[in-house]
């Protein structure tokens, strides 16, 4: 079974985005990054996938909306991130 797709919506100069991507990189996770600095259709897509989300990063693992950088780090601390990434 393939690992679930990981999407991360980011903005230029966002320290929390850098931190989230660093954690994913350290775990060897492939992810698709969408820069929504200038808005556009990917920002609209993010808001559709995560209604009410106004901050970045917004991270999705498969169909699961993880949330932001702190949420991703919490999953790692709790030992639940690897299972989510494995599908």
N, C-alpha and C. Protein backbone atom coordinates (compact mmCIF):
# COMPACT_ATOMS: atom_id res chain seq x y z
N UNK A 1 0.84 -1.18 0.00
CA UNK A 1 0.00 0.00 0.00
C UNK A 1 0.89 1.25 0.00
N UNK A 2 0.56 2.21 -0.83
CA UNK A 2 1.35 3.43 -0.94
C UNK A 2 1.10 4.34 0.25
N UNK A 3 2.11 5.10 0.60
CA UNK A 3 1.95 6.08 1.67
C UNK A 3 0.98 7.16 1.21
N UNK A 4 0.24 7.75 2.15
CA UNK A 4 -0.69 8.81 1.75
C UNK A 4 0.05 10.06 1.27
N UNK A 5 -0.60 10.78 0.39
CA UNK A 5 -0.04 12.02 -0.15
C UNK A 5 -0.01 13.07 0.96
N UNK A 6 1.07 13.83 1.02
CA UNK A 6 1.21 14.89 2.01
C UNK A 6 1.25 16.23 1.27
N UNK A 7 0.33 17.12 1.65
CA UNK A 7 0.27 18.46 1.09
C UNK A 7 0.52 19.46 2.19
N UNK A 8 1.26 20.52 1.88
CA UNK A 8 1.50 21.58 2.84
C UNK A 8 1.36 22.92 2.13
N UNK A 9 0.50 23.76 2.69
CA UNK A 9 0.27 25.10 2.16
C UNK A 9 1.11 26.06 2.98
N UNK A 10 1.92 26.89 2.30
CA UNK A 10 2.89 27.75 2.97
C UNK A 10 2.83 29.17 2.41
N UNK A 11 3.55 30.06 3.10
CA UNK A 11 3.76 31.43 2.62
C UNK A 11 5.24 31.76 2.76
N UNK A 12 5.71 32.65 1.91
CA UNK A 12 7.10 33.09 1.94
C UNK A 12 7.41 33.73 3.29
N UNK A 13 8.56 33.37 3.85
CA UNK A 13 9.01 33.98 5.09
C UNK A 13 8.35 33.45 6.35
N UNK A 14 7.64 32.36 6.25
CA UNK A 14 6.91 31.79 7.38
C UNK A 14 7.81 30.82 8.15
N UNK A 15 8.19 31.20 9.36
CA UNK A 15 9.04 30.34 10.19
C UNK A 15 8.38 29.04 10.58
N UNK A 16 7.07 29.07 10.83
CA UNK A 16 6.36 27.84 11.18
C UNK A 16 6.34 26.87 10.00
N UNK A 17 6.26 27.43 8.79
CA UNK A 17 6.29 26.60 7.58
C UNK A 17 7.65 25.92 7.46
N UNK A 18 8.71 26.68 7.71
CA UNK A 18 10.06 26.12 7.65
C UNK A 18 10.20 24.99 8.66
N UNK A 19 9.70 25.20 9.87
CA UNK A 19 9.80 24.19 10.92
C UNK A 19 9.04 22.91 10.54
N UNK A 20 7.84 23.06 10.00
CA UNK A 20 7.05 21.89 9.60
C UNK A 20 7.74 21.12 8.47
N UNK A 21 8.26 21.85 7.48
CA UNK A 21 8.95 21.19 6.36
C UNK A 21 10.22 20.50 6.84
N UNK A 22 10.91 21.10 7.80
CA UNK A 22 12.13 20.49 8.35
C UNK A 22 11.80 19.15 8.99
N UNK A 23 10.73 19.10 9.77
CA UNK A 23 10.34 17.84 10.41
C UNK A 23 10.01 16.78 9.36
N UNK A 24 9.26 17.16 8.34
CA UNK A 24 8.92 16.21 7.28
C UNK A 24 10.18 15.76 6.54
N UNK A 25 11.09 16.71 6.27
CA UNK A 25 12.34 16.36 5.59
C UNK A 25 13.17 15.39 6.43
N UNK A 26 13.25 15.65 7.74
CA UNK A 26 14.03 14.77 8.63
C UNK A 26 13.47 13.35 8.65
N UNK A 27 12.16 13.23 8.44
CA UNK A 27 11.53 11.92 8.42
C UNK A 27 11.56 11.29 7.03
N UNK A 28 12.12 12.02 6.05
CA UNK A 28 12.21 11.49 4.69
C UNK A 28 10.88 11.45 3.97
N UNK A 29 9.98 12.33 4.34
CA UNK A 29 8.63 12.35 3.76
C UNK A 29 8.62 13.21 2.50
N UNK A 30 8.07 12.65 1.43
CA UNK A 30 7.83 13.43 0.22
C UNK A 30 6.53 14.20 0.41
N UNK A 31 6.55 15.46 0.06
CA UNK A 31 5.34 16.27 0.19
C UNK A 31 5.26 17.25 -0.96
N UNK A 32 4.05 17.70 -1.21
CA UNK A 32 3.84 18.71 -2.23
C UNK A 32 3.55 20.03 -1.51
N UNK A 33 4.33 21.05 -1.85
CA UNK A 33 4.19 22.35 -1.21
C UNK A 33 3.46 23.30 -2.14
N UNK A 34 2.51 24.02 -1.58
CA UNK A 34 1.76 25.02 -2.33
C UNK A 34 1.98 26.37 -1.66
N UNK A 35 2.68 27.28 -2.35
CA UNK A 35 2.94 28.61 -1.82
C UNK A 35 1.74 29.50 -2.12
N UNK A 36 1.08 29.95 -1.06
CA UNK A 36 -0.13 30.77 -1.23
C UNK A 36 0.13 32.22 -0.83
N UNK A 37 1.39 32.64 -0.87
CA UNK A 37 1.77 34.00 -0.49
C UNK A 37 0.92 35.04 -1.23
N UNK A 38 0.73 34.83 -2.49
CA UNK A 38 -0.02 35.79 -3.31
C UNK A 38 -1.49 35.43 -3.46
N UNK A 39 -1.98 34.50 -2.64
CA UNK A 39 -3.38 34.09 -2.74
C UNK A 39 -3.58 33.14 -3.91
N UNK A 40 -4.64 33.34 -4.63
CA UNK A 40 -4.89 32.55 -5.82
C UNK A 40 -5.68 31.28 -5.56
N UNK A 41 -5.78 30.44 -6.59
CA UNK A 41 -6.64 29.25 -6.49
C UNK A 41 -6.18 28.25 -5.42
N UNK A 42 -4.88 28.16 -5.16
CA UNK A 42 -4.42 27.21 -4.13
C UNK A 42 -4.82 27.68 -2.74
N UNK A 43 -4.88 29.00 -2.53
CA UNK A 43 -5.37 29.51 -1.24
C UNK A 43 -6.84 29.15 -1.08
N UNK A 44 -7.61 29.34 -2.15
CA UNK A 44 -9.03 28.96 -2.13
C UNK A 44 -9.18 27.47 -1.86
N UNK A 45 -8.32 26.67 -2.47
CA UNK A 45 -8.35 25.22 -2.26
C UNK A 45 -8.07 24.90 -0.79
N UNK A 46 -7.07 25.56 -0.20
CA UNK A 46 -6.75 25.33 1.21
C UNK A 46 -7.96 25.66 2.09
N UNK A 47 -8.60 26.79 1.81
CA UNK A 47 -9.75 27.20 2.62
C UNK A 47 -10.92 26.24 2.45
N UNK A 48 -11.03 25.65 1.28
CA UNK A 48 -12.08 24.66 1.06
C UNK A 48 -11.79 23.38 1.83
N UNK A 49 -10.53 22.98 1.87
CA UNK A 49 -10.13 21.76 2.57
C UNK A 49 -10.12 21.95 4.08
N UNK A 50 -9.83 23.17 4.52
CA UNK A 50 -9.73 23.47 5.96
C UNK A 50 -10.53 24.74 6.24
N UNK A 51 -11.86 24.63 6.25
CA UNK A 51 -12.68 25.83 6.47
C UNK A 51 -12.28 26.53 7.77
N UNK A 52 -12.15 27.83 7.68
CA UNK A 52 -11.80 28.61 8.86
C UNK A 52 -10.30 28.77 9.08
N UNK A 53 -9.50 28.03 8.35
CA UNK A 53 -8.04 28.13 8.51
C UNK A 53 -7.57 29.44 7.91
N UNK A 54 -6.86 30.22 8.71
CA UNK A 54 -6.36 31.50 8.22
C UNK A 54 -4.86 31.61 8.36
N UNK A 55 -4.23 30.60 8.93
CA UNK A 55 -2.79 30.64 9.14
C UNK A 55 -2.12 29.54 8.33
N UNK A 56 -0.83 29.70 8.14
CA UNK A 56 -0.04 28.67 7.48
C UNK A 56 1.07 28.26 8.44
N UNK A 57 1.59 27.06 8.29
CA UNK A 57 1.20 26.09 7.27
C UNK A 57 -0.12 25.41 7.61
N UNK A 58 -0.74 24.87 6.60
CA UNK A 58 -1.85 23.94 6.77
C UNK A 58 -1.38 22.65 6.13
N UNK A 59 -1.41 21.57 6.91
CA UNK A 59 -0.82 20.30 6.50
C UNK A 59 -1.91 19.24 6.40
N UNK A 60 -1.86 18.49 5.32
CA UNK A 60 -2.80 17.40 5.09
C UNK A 60 -2.01 16.13 4.81
N UNK A 61 -2.37 15.06 5.49
CA UNK A 61 -1.78 13.75 5.24
C UNK A 61 -2.92 12.87 4.76
N UNK A 62 -2.90 12.55 3.48
CA UNK A 62 -4.05 11.86 2.89
C UNK A 62 -5.27 12.76 3.03
N UNK A 63 -6.35 12.21 3.55
CA UNK A 63 -7.58 12.98 3.75
C UNK A 63 -7.64 13.63 5.13
N UNK A 64 -6.59 13.44 5.92
CA UNK A 64 -6.58 13.97 7.28
C UNK A 64 -5.98 15.37 7.33
N UNK A 65 -6.74 16.30 7.87
CA UNK A 65 -6.22 17.66 8.08
C UNK A 65 -5.49 17.66 9.41
N UNK A 66 -4.17 17.75 9.34
CA UNK A 66 -3.33 17.73 10.54
C UNK A 66 -3.43 19.06 11.27
N UNK A 67 -3.43 20.15 10.51
CA UNK A 67 -3.41 21.49 11.09
C UNK A 67 -2.11 22.16 10.76
N UNK A 68 -1.53 22.84 11.75
CA UNK A 68 -0.32 23.61 11.52
C UNK A 68 0.93 22.93 12.04
N UNK A 69 2.00 23.71 12.14
CA UNK A 69 3.30 23.21 12.56
C UNK A 69 3.26 22.63 13.97
N UNK A 70 2.61 23.34 14.89
CA UNK A 70 2.52 22.84 16.27
C UNK A 70 1.76 21.52 16.34
N UNK A 71 0.72 21.40 15.53
CA UNK A 71 -0.06 20.16 15.50
C UNK A 71 0.77 19.00 14.97
N UNK A 72 1.56 19.26 13.93
CA UNK A 72 2.45 18.24 13.37
C UNK A 72 3.48 17.80 14.40
N UNK A 73 4.07 18.78 15.10
CA UNK A 73 5.07 18.48 16.13
C UNK A 73 4.45 17.68 17.27
N UNK A 74 3.20 18.00 17.63
CA UNK A 74 2.52 17.27 18.70
C UNK A 74 2.31 15.81 18.30
N UNK A 75 1.92 15.57 17.06
CA UNK A 75 1.76 14.19 16.59
C UNK A 75 3.08 13.43 16.71
N UNK A 76 4.17 14.08 16.36
CA UNK A 76 5.49 13.45 16.45
C UNK A 76 5.83 13.14 17.91
N UNK A 77 5.63 14.10 18.81
CA UNK A 77 5.91 13.89 20.24
C UNK A 77 5.09 12.75 20.81
N UNK A 78 3.83 12.65 20.37
CA UNK A 78 2.92 11.61 20.87
C UNK A 78 3.17 10.26 20.22
N UNK A 79 4.08 10.21 19.25
CA UNK A 79 4.37 8.94 18.57
C UNK A 79 3.31 8.51 17.60
N UNK A 80 2.47 9.44 17.13
CA UNK A 80 1.37 9.10 16.23
C UNK A 80 1.63 9.49 14.78
N UNK A 81 2.68 10.28 14.53
CA UNK A 81 2.92 10.78 13.18
C UNK A 81 3.32 9.66 12.21
N UNK A 82 4.19 8.77 12.63
CA UNK A 82 4.65 7.70 11.73
C UNK A 82 3.49 6.84 11.24
N UNK A 83 2.56 6.51 12.13
CA UNK A 83 1.42 5.69 11.74
C UNK A 83 0.54 6.42 10.72
N UNK A 84 0.37 7.72 10.94
CA UNK A 84 -0.43 8.51 10.00
C UNK A 84 0.24 8.58 8.64
N UNK A 85 1.56 8.75 8.65
CA UNK A 85 2.30 8.81 7.39
C UNK A 85 2.33 7.46 6.67
N UNK A 86 2.23 6.37 7.42
CA UNK A 86 2.26 5.03 6.83
C UNK A 86 0.91 4.66 6.22
N UNK A 87 -0.13 5.42 6.59
CA UNK A 87 -1.47 5.15 6.08
C UNK A 87 -2.13 4.13 6.92
